[in-house]
Amino acid sequence: AAPAFAQDTDPPAAVSVSGSATVTSDYRFRGVSQTDKD
């Protein structure tokens, strides 16, 4: 929502923040399940 308050002429921010939230049916790390296939 933050960009709605910025002006189109504002210079790019020096710092940006990104993120994510995920639900997965099995957490695999390099092919091996970390959740017992759960």
Full PDB file with SEQRES, HELIX, SHEET, SSBOND, CRYST1, ORIGX, SCALE, CONECT and MASTER records, all heavy atoms in Angstrom:
SEQRES   1 A   38  ALA ALA PRO ALA PHE ALA GLN ASP THR ASP PRO PRO ALA          
SEQRES   2 A   38  ALA VAL SER VAL SER GLY SER ALA THR VAL THR SER ASP          
SEQRES   3 A   38  TYR ARG PHE ARG GLY VAL SER GLN THR ASP LYS ASP              
HELIX    1 AA1 ALA A    2  PHE A    5  5                                   4    
SHEET    1 AA1 2 ARG A  28  PHE A  29  0                                        
SHEET    2 AA1 2 VAL A  32  SER A  33 -1                                        
CRYST1    1.000    1.000    1.000  90.00  90.00  90.00 P 1           1          
ORIGX1      1.000000  0.000000  0.000000        0.00000                         
ORIGX2      0.000000  1.000000  0.000000        0.00000                         
ORIGX3      0.000000  0.000000  1.000000        0.00000                         
SCALE1      1.000000  0.000000  0.000000        0.00000                         
SCALE2      0.000000  1.000000  0.000000        0.00000                         
SCALE3      0.000000  0.000000  1.000000        0.00000                         
ATOM      1  N   ALA A   1       0.815  -1.205   0.000  1.00  0.00           N  
ATOM      2  CA  ALA A   1       0.000   0.000   0.000  1.00  0.00           C  
ATOM      3  C   ALA A   1       0.850   1.257   0.000  1.00  0.00           C  
ATOM      4  O   ALA A   1       0.439   2.310  -0.472  1.00  0.00           O  
ATOM      5  CB  ALA A   1      -0.916   0.017   1.227  1.00  0.00           C  
ATOM      6  N   ALA A   2       2.073   1.163   0.492  1.00  0.00           N  
ATOM      7  CA  ALA A   2       2.938   2.328   0.645  1.00  0.00           C  
ATOM      8  C   ALA A   2       3.118   3.140  -0.632  1.00  0.00           C  
ATOM      9  O   ALA A   2       3.115   4.367  -0.589  1.00  0.00           O  
ATOM     10  CB  ALA A   2       4.311   1.893   1.196  1.00  0.00           C  
ATOM     11  N   PRO A   3       3.292   2.521  -1.814  1.00  0.00           N  
ATOM     12  CA  PRO A   3       3.522   3.323  -3.014  1.00  0.00           C  
ATOM     13  C   PRO A   3       2.403   4.305  -3.323  1.00  0.00           C  
ATOM     14  O   PRO A   3       2.610   5.292  -4.016  1.00  0.00           O  
ATOM     15  CB  PRO A   3       3.633   2.251  -4.113  1.00  0.00           C  
ATOM     16  CG  PRO A   3       4.120   1.039  -3.399  1.00  0.00           C  
ATOM     17  CD  PRO A   3       3.427   1.105  -2.071  1.00  0.00           C  
ATOM     18  N   ALA A   4       1.196   4.054  -2.811  1.00  0.00           N  
ATOM     19  CA  ALA A   4       0.079   4.940  -3.092  1.00  0.00           C  
ATOM     20  C   ALA A   4       0.317   6.328  -2.522  1.00  0.00           C  
ATOM     21  O   ALA A   4      -0.241   7.313  -3.005  1.00  0.00           O  
ATOM     22  CB  ALA A   4      -1.211   4.352  -2.503  1.00  0.00           C  
ATOM     23  N   PHE A   5       1.183   6.429  -1.514  1.00  0.00           N  
ATOM     24  CA  PHE A   5       1.444   7.711  -0.882  1.00  0.00           C  
ATOM     25  C   PHE A   5       2.655   8.423  -1.493  1.00  0.00           C  
ATOM     26  O   PHE A   5       2.976   9.534  -1.121  1.00  0.00           O  
ATOM     27  CB  PHE A   5       1.687   7.505   0.625  1.00  0.00           C  
ATOM     28  CG  PHE A   5       0.477   6.957   1.332  1.00  0.00           C  
ATOM     29  CD1 PHE A   5       0.353   5.589   1.548  1.00  0.00           C  
ATOM     30  CD2 PHE A   5      -0.550   7.782   1.760  1.00  0.00           C  
ATOM     31  CE1 PHE A   5      -0.767   5.077   2.198  1.00  0.00           C  
ATOM     32  CE2 PHE A   5      -1.667   7.270   2.407  1.00  0.00           C  
ATOM     33  CZ  PHE A   5      -1.775   5.923   2.620  1.00  0.00           C  
ATOM     34  N   ALA A   6       3.345   7.723  -2.395  1.00  0.00           N  
ATOM     35  CA  ALA A   6       4.537   8.313  -2.988  1.00  0.00           C  
ATOM     36  C   ALA A   6       4.174   9.035  -4.276  1.00  0.00           C  
ATOM     37  O   ALA A   6       3.207   8.709  -4.942  1.00  0.00           O  
ATOM     38  CB  ALA A   6       5.568   7.212  -3.268  1.00  0.00           C  
ATOM     39  N   GLN A   7       4.968  10.034  -4.625  1.00  0.00           N  
ATOM     40  CA  GLN A   7       4.769  10.757  -5.868  1.00  0.00           C  
ATOM     41  C   GLN A   7       5.495  10.022  -6.998  1.00  0.00           C  
ATOM     42  O   GLN A   7       6.537   9.407  -6.788  1.00  0.00           O  
ATOM     43  CB  GLN A   7       5.330  12.182  -5.724  1.00  0.00           C  
ATOM     44  CG  GLN A   7       4.645  13.008  -4.649  1.00  0.00           C  
ATOM     45  CD  GLN A   7       3.170  13.242  -4.942  1.00  0.00           C  
ATOM     46  OE1 GLN A   7       2.801  13.472  -6.087  1.00  0.00           O  
ATOM     47  NE2 GLN A   7       2.337  13.173  -3.917  1.00  0.00           N  
ATOM     48  N   ASP A   8       4.921  10.089  -8.196  1.00  0.00           N  
ATOM     49  CA  ASP A   8       5.520   9.406  -9.330  1.00  0.00           C  
ATOM     50  C   ASP A   8       6.922   9.936  -9.622  1.00  0.00           C  
ATOM     51  O   ASP A   8       7.745   9.258 -10.228  1.00  0.00           O  
ATOM     52  CB  ASP A   8       4.646   9.579 -10.576  1.00  0.00           C  
ATOM     53  CG  ASP A   8       3.320   8.845 -10.436  1.00  0.00           C  
ATOM     54  OD1 ASP A   8       3.271   7.918  -9.603  1.00  0.00           O  
ATOM     55  OD2 ASP A   8       2.353   9.199 -11.143  1.00  0.00           O  
ATOM     56  N   THR A   9       7.187  11.182  -9.206  1.00  0.00           N  
ATOM     57  CA  THR A   9       8.484  11.793  -9.494  1.00  0.00           C  
ATOM     58  C   THR A   9       9.536  11.480  -8.441  1.00  0.00           C  
ATOM     59  O   THR A   9      10.685  11.887  -8.585  1.00  0.00           O  
ATOM     60  CB  THR A   9       8.328  13.315  -9.601  1.00  0.00           C  
ATOM     61  OG1 THR A   9       7.733  13.815  -8.396  1.00  0.00           O  
ATOM     62  CG2 THR A   9       7.442  13.678 -10.797  1.00  0.00           C  
ATOM     63  N   ASP A  10       9.127  10.792  -7.358  1.00  0.00           N  
ATOM     64  CA  ASP A  10      10.088  10.469  -6.313  1.00  0.00           C  
ATOM     65  C   ASP A  10      11.169   9.541  -6.857  1.00  0.00           C  
ATOM     66  O   ASP A  10      10.879   8.618  -7.625  1.00  0.00           O  
ATOM     67  CB  ASP A  10       9.387   9.778  -5.136  1.00  0.00           C  
ATOM     68  CG  ASP A  10       8.552  10.762  -4.338  1.00  0.00           C  
ATOM     69  OD1 ASP A  10       8.705  11.978  -4.569  1.00  0.00           O  
ATOM     70  OD2 ASP A  10       7.753  10.314  -3.495  1.00  0.00           O  
ATOM     71  N   PRO A  11      12.430   9.734  -6.445  1.00  0.00           N  
ATOM     72  CA  PRO A  11      13.505   8.842  -6.896  1.00  0.00           C  
ATOM     73  C   PRO A  11      13.320   7.451  -6.278  1.00  0.00           C  
ATOM     74  O   PRO A  11      12.658   7.301  -5.241  1.00  0.00           O  
ATOM     75  CB  PRO A  11      14.765   9.525  -6.352  1.00  0.00           C  
ATOM     76  CG  PRO A  11      14.280  10.300  -5.166  1.00  0.00           C  
ATOM     77  CD  PRO A  11      12.910  10.790  -5.552  1.00  0.00           C  
ATOM     78  N   PRO A  12      13.884   6.418  -6.890  1.00  0.00           N  
ATOM     79  CA  PRO A  12      13.773   5.063  -6.344  1.00  0.00           C  
ATOM     80  C   PRO A  12      14.325   5.015  -4.922  1.00  0.00           C  
ATOM     81  O   PRO A  12      15.319   5.666  -4.609  1.00  0.00           O  
ATOM     82  CB  PRO A  12      14.622   4.225  -7.308  1.00  0.00           C  
ATOM     83  CG  PRO A  12      14.657   5.027  -8.577  1.00  0.00           C  
ATOM     84  CD  PRO A  12      14.651   6.464  -8.135  1.00  0.00           C  
ATOM     85  N   ALA A  13      13.680   4.250  -4.084  1.00  0.00           N  
ATOM     86  CA  ALA A  13      14.140   4.113  -2.706  1.00  0.00           C  
ATOM     87  C   ALA A  13      15.479   3.394  -2.667  1.00  0.00           C  
ATOM     88  O   ALA A  13      15.732   2.477  -3.452  1.00  0.00           O  
ATOM     89  CB  ALA A  13      13.109   3.354  -1.889  1.00  0.00           C  
ATOM     90  N   ALA A  14      16.340   3.815  -1.753  1.00  0.00           N  
ATOM     91  CA  ALA A  14      17.653   3.181  -1.623  1.00  0.00           C  
ATOM     92  C   ALA A  14      17.531   1.777  -1.054  1.00  0.00           C  
ATOM     93  O   ALA A  14      18.367   0.910  -1.316  1.00  0.00           O  
ATOM     94  CB  ALA A  14      18.556   4.026  -0.734  1.00  0.00           C  
ATOM     95  N   VAL A  15      16.469   1.559  -0.268  1.00  0.00           N  
ATOM     96  CA  VAL A  15      16.244   0.255   0.364  1.00  0.00           C  
ATOM     97  C   VAL A  15      14.851  -0.238   0.014  1.00  0.00           C  
ATOM     98  O   VAL A  15      13.883   0.515   0.075  1.00  0.00           O  
ATOM     99  CB  VAL A  15      16.401   0.352   1.896  1.00  0.00           C  
ATOM    100  CG1 VAL A  15      16.074  -0.979   2.546  1.00  0.00           C  
ATOM    101  CG2 VAL A  15      17.813   0.796   2.271  1.00  0.00           C  
ATOM    102  N   SER A  16      14.746  -1.494  -0.359  1.00  0.00           N  
ATOM    103  CA  SER A  16      13.449  -2.103  -0.656  1.00  0.00           C  
ATOM    104  C   SER A  16      13.251  -3.329   0.214  1.00  0.00           C  
ATOM    105  O   SER A  16      14.215  -3.968   0.649  1.00  0.00           O  
ATOM    106  CB  SER A  16      13.348  -2.486  -2.128  1.00  0.00           C  
ATOM    107  OG  SER A  16      14.339  -3.437  -2.469  1.00  0.00           O  
ATOM    108  N   VAL A  17      11.987  -3.652   0.472  1.00  0.00           N  
ATOM    109  CA  VAL A  17      11.645  -4.790   1.306  1.00  0.00           C  
ATOM    110  C   VAL A  17      10.703  -5.702   0.532  1.00  0.00           C  
ATOM    111  O   VAL A  17       9.740  -5.242  -0.080  1.00  0.00           O  
ATOM    112  CB  VAL A  17      10.966  -4.348   2.621  1.00  0.00           C  
ATOM    113  CG1 VAL A  17      10.604  -5.563   3.466  1.00  0.00           C  
ATOM    114  CG2 VAL A  17      11.883  -3.413   3.401  1.00  0.00           C  
ATOM    115  N   SER A  18      10.982  -6.977   0.545  1.00  0.00           N  
ATOM    116  CA  SER A  18      10.109  -7.964  -0.084  1.00  0.00           C  
ATOM    117  C   SER A  18       9.928  -9.136   0.862  1.00  0.00           C  
ATOM    118  O   SER A  18      10.734  -9.355   1.769  1.00  0.00           O  
ATOM    119  CB  SER A  18      10.703  -8.441  -1.417  1.00  0.00           C  
ATOM    120  OG  SER A  18      11.965  -9.068  -1.205  1.00  0.00           O  
ATOM    121  N   GLY A  19       8.873  -9.880   0.653  1.00  0.00           N  
ATOM    122  CA  GLY A  19       8.625 -11.014   1.539  1.00  0.00           C  
ATOM    123  C   GLY A  19       7.656 -11.993   0.932  1.00  0.00           C  
ATOM    124  O   GLY A  19       7.088 -11.772  -0.143  1.00  0.00           O  
ATOM    125  N   SER A  20       7.444 -13.089   1.635  1.00  0.00           N  
ATOM    126  CA  SER A  20       6.537 -14.120   1.154  1.00  0.00           C  
ATOM    127  C   SER A  20       6.047 -14.971   2.311  1.00  0.00           C  
ATOM    128  O   SER A  20       6.681 -15.050   3.364  1.00  0.00           O  
ATOM    129  CB  SER A  20       7.242 -15.019   0.125  1.00  0.00           C  
ATOM    130  OG  SER A  20       8.300 -15.745   0.745  1.00  0.00           O  
ATOM    131  N   ALA A  21       4.893 -15.610   2.100  1.00  0.00           N  
ATOM    132  CA  ALA A  21       4.358 -16.598   3.031  1.00  0.00           C  
ATOM    133  C   ALA A  21       3.824 -17.746   2.189  1.00  0.00           C  
ATOM    134  O   ALA A  21       3.162 -17.516   1.168  1.00  0.00           O  
ATOM    135  CB  ALA A  21       3.249 -16.001   3.892  1.00  0.00           C  
ATOM    136  N   THR A  22       4.126 -18.978   2.576  1.00  0.00           N  
ATOM    137  CA  THR A  22       3.814 -20.141   1.744  1.00  0.00           C  
ATOM    138  C   THR A  22       3.318 -21.307   2.583  1.00  0.00           C  
ATOM    139  O   THR A  22       3.791 -21.527   3.700  1.00  0.00           O  
ATOM    140  CB  THR A  22       5.071 -20.600   0.968  1.00  0.00           C  
ATOM    141  OG1 THR A  22       5.583 -19.521   0.188  1.00  0.00           O  
ATOM    142  CG2 THR A  22       4.757 -21.770   0.056  1.00  0.00           C  
ATOM    143  N   VAL A  23       2.374 -22.041   2.026  1.00  0.00           N  
ATOM    144  CA  VAL A  23       1.962 -23.332   2.576  1.00  0.00           C  
ATOM    145  C   VAL A  23       2.336 -24.382   1.533  1.00  0.00           C  
ATOM    146  O   VAL A  23       2.016 -24.234   0.349  1.00  0.00           O  
ATOM    147  CB  VAL A  23       0.452 -23.384   2.860  1.00  0.00           C  
ATOM    148  CG1 VAL A  23       0.060 -24.786   3.336  1.00  0.00           C  
ATOM    149  CG2 VAL A  23       0.072 -22.346   3.904  1.00  0.00           C  
ATOM    150  N   THR A  24       3.049 -25.412   1.938  1.00  0.00           N  
ATOM    151  CA  THR A  24       3.486 -26.445   1.014  1.00  0.00           C  
ATOM    152  C   THR A  24       3.107 -27.818   1.539  1.00  0.00           C  
ATOM    153  O   THR A  24       3.071 -28.033   2.752  1.00  0.00           O  
ATOM    154  CB  THR A  24       5.008 -26.371   0.786  1.00  0.00           C  
ATOM    155  OG1 THR A  24       5.422 -27.402  -0.105  1.00  0.00           O  
ATOM    156  CG2 THR A  24       5.765 -26.523   2.109  1.00  0.00           C  
ATOM    157  N   SER A  25       2.831 -28.732   0.643  1.00  0.00           N  
ATOM    158  CA  SER A  25       2.404 -30.069   1.063  1.00  0.00           C  
ATOM    159  C   SER A  25       3.573 -30.955   1.479  1.00  0.00           C  
ATOM    160  O   SER A  25       3.366 -32.050   1.999  1.00  0.00           O  
ATOM    161  CB  SER A  25       1.612 -30.754  -0.060  1.00  0.00           C  
ATOM    162  OG  SER A  25       2.416 -30.925  -1.219  1.00  0.00           O  
ATOM    163  N   ASP A  26       4.812 -30.498   1.249  1.00  0.00           N  
ATOM    164  CA  ASP A  26       6.006 -31.228   1.689  1.00  0.00           C  
ATOM    165  C   ASP A  26       7.204 -30.303   1.525  1.00  0.00           C  
ATOM    166  O   ASP A  26       7.421 -29.764   0.442  1.00  0.00           O  
ATOM    167  CB  ASP A  26       6.202 -32.499   0.848  1.00  0.00           C  
ATOM    168  CG  ASP A  26       7.380 -33.345   1.307  1.00  0.00           C  
ATOM    169  OD1 ASP A  26       7.921 -33.080   2.398  1.00  0.00           O  
ATOM    170  OD2 ASP A  26       7.762 -34.272   0.571  1.00  0.00           O  
ATOM    171  N   TYR A  27       7.977 -30.102   2.569  1.00  0.00           N  
ATOM    172  CA  TYR A  27       9.166 -29.255   2.491  1.00  0.00           C  
ATOM    173  C   TYR A  27      10.361 -30.123   2.116  1.00  0.00           C  
ATOM    174  O   TYR A  27      10.815 -30.959   2.900  1.00  0.00           O  
ATOM    175  CB  TYR A  27       9.382 -28.558   3.835  1.00  0.00           C  
ATOM    176  CG  TYR A  27      10.728 -27.868   3.988  1.00  0.00           C  
ATOM    177  CD1 TYR A  27      11.426 -27.369   2.900  1.00  0.00           C  
ATOM    178  CD2 TYR A  27      11.286 -27.689   5.259  1.00  0.00           C  
ATOM    179  CE1 TYR A  27      12.654 -26.734   3.046  1.00  0.00           C  
ATOM    180  CE2 TYR A  27      12.497 -27.057   5.429  1.00  0.00           C  
ATOM    181  CZ  TYR A  27      13.181 -26.587   4.312  1.00  0.00           C  
ATOM    182  OH  TYR A  27      14.398 -25.953   4.468  1.00  0.00           O  
ATOM    183  N   ARG A  28      10.849 -29.937   0.899  1.00  0.00           N  
ATOM    184  CA  ARG A  28      12.010 -30.689   0.417  1.00  0.00           C  
ATOM    185  C   ARG A  28      13.240 -29.789   0.374  1.00  0.00           C  
ATOM    186  O   ARG A  28      13.194 -28.693  -0.166  1.00  0.00           O  
ATOM    187  CB  ARG A  28      11.748 -31.225  -0.991  1.00  0.00           C  
ATOM    188  CG  ARG A  28      10.669 -32.303  -1.064  1.00  0.00           C  
ATOM    189  CD  ARG A  28      11.226 -33.668  -0.724  1.00  0.00           C  
ATOM    190  NE  ARG A  28      10.238 -34.715  -0.896  1.00  0.00           N  
ATOM    191  CZ  ARG A  28      10.472 -35.874  -1.502  1.00  0.00           C  
ATOM    192  NH1 ARG A  28      11.670 -36.131  -2.001  1.00  0.00           N  
ATOM    193  NH2 ARG A  28       9.527 -36.782  -1.594  1.00  0.00           N  
ATOM    194  N   PHE A  29      14.339 -30.287   0.921  1.00  0.00           N  
ATOM    195  CA  PHE A  29      15.617 -29.579   0.838  1.00  0.00           C  
ATOM    196  C   PHE A  29      16.576 -30.470   0.073  1.00  0.00           C  
ATOM    197  O   PHE A  29      16.924 -31.558   0.528  1.00  0.00           O  
ATOM    198  CB  PHE A  29      16.157 -29.263   2.232  1.00  0.00           C  
ATOM    199  CG  PHE A  29      17.516 -28.625   2.214  1.00  0.00           C  
ATOM    200  CD1 PHE A  29      17.675 -27.320   1.804  1.00  0.00           C  
ATOM    201  CD2 PHE A  29      18.634 -29.340   2.602  1.00  0.00           C  
ATOM    202  CE1 PHE A  29      18.938 -26.729   1.770  1.00  0.00           C  
ATOM    203  CE2 PHE A  29      19.895 -28.762   2.586  1.00  0.00           C  
ATOM    204  CZ  PHE A  29      20.040 -27.451   2.166  1.00  0.00           C  
ATOM    205  N   ARG A  30      16.948 -30.040  -1.128  1.00  0.00           N  
ATOM    206  CA  ARG A  30      17.839 -30.825  -1.973  1.00  0.00           C  
ATOM    207  C   ARG A  30      17.337 -32.256  -2.128  1.00  0.00           C  
ATOM    208  O   ARG A  30      18.101 -33.222  -2.054  1.00  0.00           O  
ATOM    209  CB  ARG A  30      19.269 -30.768  -1.442  1.00  0.00           C  
ATOM    210  CG  ARG A  30      19.824 -29.350  -1.491  1.00  0.00           C  
ATOM    211  CD  ARG A  30      21.182 -29.186  -0.832  1.00  0.00           C  
ATOM    212  NE  ARG A  30      21.559 -27.775  -0.829  1.00  0.00           N  
ATOM    213  CZ  ARG A  30      22.581 -27.275  -0.154  1.00  0.00           C  
ATOM    214  NH1 ARG A  30      23.344 -28.071   0.572  1.00  0.00           N  
ATOM    215  NH2 ARG A  30      22.838 -25.977  -0.210  1.00  0.00           N  
ATOM    216  N   GLY A  31      16.036 -32.359  -2.325  1.00  0.00           N  
ATOM    217  CA  GLY A  31      15.414 -33.644  -2.623  1.00  0.00           C  
ATOM    218  C   GLY A  31      14.911 -34.429  -1.442  1.00  0.00           C  
ATOM    219  O   GLY A  31      14.157 -35.400  -1.613  1.00  0.00           O  
ATOM    220  N   VAL A  32      15.293 -34.055  -0.232  1.00  0.00           N  
ATOM    221  CA  VAL A  32      14.938 -34.821   0.966  1.00  0.00           C  
ATOM    222  C   VAL A  32      13.869 -34.087   1.777  1.00  0.00           C  
ATOM    223  O   VAL A  32      14.002 -32.897   2.060  1.00  0.00           O  
ATOM    224  CB  VAL A  32      16.177 -35.085   1.841  1.00  0.00           C  
ATOM    225  CG1 VAL A  32      15.793 -35.850   3.098  1.00  0.00           C  
ATOM    226  CG2 VAL A  32      17.225 -35.855   1.056  1.00  0.00           C  
ATOM    227  N   SER A  33      12.825 -34.803   2.163  1.00  0.00           N  
ATOM    228  CA  SER A  33      11.739 -34.185   2.926  1.00  0.00           C  
ATOM    229  C   SER A  33      12.191 -33.828   4.332  1.00  0.00           C  
ATOM    230  O   SER A  33      12.781 -34.656   5.045  1.00  0.00           O  
ATOM    231  CB  SER A  33      10.535 -35.127   3.005  1.00  0.00           C  
ATOM    232  OG  SER A  33       9.521 -34.563   3.816  1.00  0.00           O  
ATOM    233  N   GLN A  34      11.876 -32.598   4.741  1.00  0.00           N  
ATOM    234  CA  GLN A  34      12.167 -32.130   6.091  1.00  0.00           C  
ATOM    235  C   GLN A  34      10.937 -32.246   6.990  1.00  0.00           C  
ATOM    236  O   GLN A  34      10.999 -31.877   8.167  1.00  0.00           O  
ATOM    237  CB  GLN A  34      12.614 -30.671   6.049  1.00  0.00           C  
ATOM    238  CG  GLN A  34      13.770 -30.398   5.105  1.00  0.00           C  
ATOM    239  CD  GLN A  34      15.033 -31.129   5.506  1.00  0.00           C  
ATOM    240  OE1 GLN A  34      15.671 -30.776   6.494  1.00  0.00           O  
ATOM    241  NE2 GLN A  34      15.407 -32.140   4.756  1.00  0.00           N  
ATOM    242  N   THR A  35       9.846 -32.730   6.442  1.00  0.00           N  
ATOM    243  CA  THR A  35       8.584 -32.774   7.182  1.00  0.00           C  
ATOM    244  C   THR A  35       7.949 -34.159   7.166  1.00  0.00           C  
ATOM    245  O   THR A  35       6.764 -34.299   7.412  1.00  0.00           O  
ATOM    246  CB  THR A  35       7.587 -31.761   6.596  1.00  0.00           C  
ATOM    247  OG1 THR A  35       7.497 -31.963   5.175  1.00  0.00           O  
ATOM    248  CG2 THR A  35       8.032 -30.338   6.871  1.00  0.00           C  
ATOM    249  N   ASP A  36       8.750 -35.195   6.879  1.00  0.00           N  
ATOM    250  CA  ASP A  36       8.241 -36.568   6.812  1.00  0.00           C  
ATOM    251  C   ASP A  36       7.094 -36.668   5.801  1.00  0.00           C  
ATOM    252  O   ASP A  36       6.101 -37.340   6.029  1.00  0.00           O  
ATOM    253  CB  ASP A  36       7.779 -37.051   8.185  1.00  0.00           C  
ATOM    254  CG  ASP A  36       7.969 -38.552   8.357  1.00  0.00           C  
ATOM    255  OD1 ASP A  36       8.817 -39.128   7.640  1.00  0.00           O  
ATOM    256  OD2 ASP A  36       7.273 -39.141   9.202  1.00  0.00           O  
ATOM    257  N   LYS A  37       7.241 -35.939   4.682  1.00  0.00           N  
ATOM    258  CA  LYS A  37       6.254 -35.906   3.598  1.00  0.00           C  
ATOM    259  C   LYS A  37       4.924 -35.333   4.073  1.00  0.00           C  
ATOM    260  O   LYS A  37       3.852 -35.786   3.663  1.00  0.00           O  
ATOM    261  CB  LYS A  37       6.075 -37.292   2.983  1.00  0.00           C  
ATOM    262  CG  LYS A  37       7.347 -37.829   2.335  1.00  0.00           C  
ATOM    263  CD  LYS A  37       7.103 -39.138   1.619  1.00  0.00           C  
ATOM    264  CE  LYS A  37       8.362 -39.576   0.886  1.00  0.00           C  
ATOM    265  NZ  LYS A  37       8.150 -40.834   0.137  1.00  0.00           N  
ATOM    266  N   ASP A  38       5.006 -34.337   4.938  1.00  0.00           N  
ATOM    267  CA  ASP A  38       3.819 -33.692   5.483  1.00  0.00           C  
ATOM    268  C   ASP A  38       3.870 -32.204   5.153  1.00  0.00           C  
ATOM    269  O   ASP A  38       4.845 -31.699   4.606  1.00  0.00           O  
ATOM    270  CB  ASP A  38       3.772 -33.898   7.005  1.00  0.00           C  
ATOM    271  CG  ASP A  38       2.364 -33.813   7.547  1.00  0.00           C  
ATOM    272  OD1 ASP A  38       1.461 -33.373   6.806  1.00  0.00           O  
ATOM    273  OD2 ASP A  38       2.169 -34.167   8.723  1.00  0.00           O  
TER     274      ASP A  38                                                      
MASTER        0    0    0    1    2    0    0    6  273    1    0    3          
END                                                                             
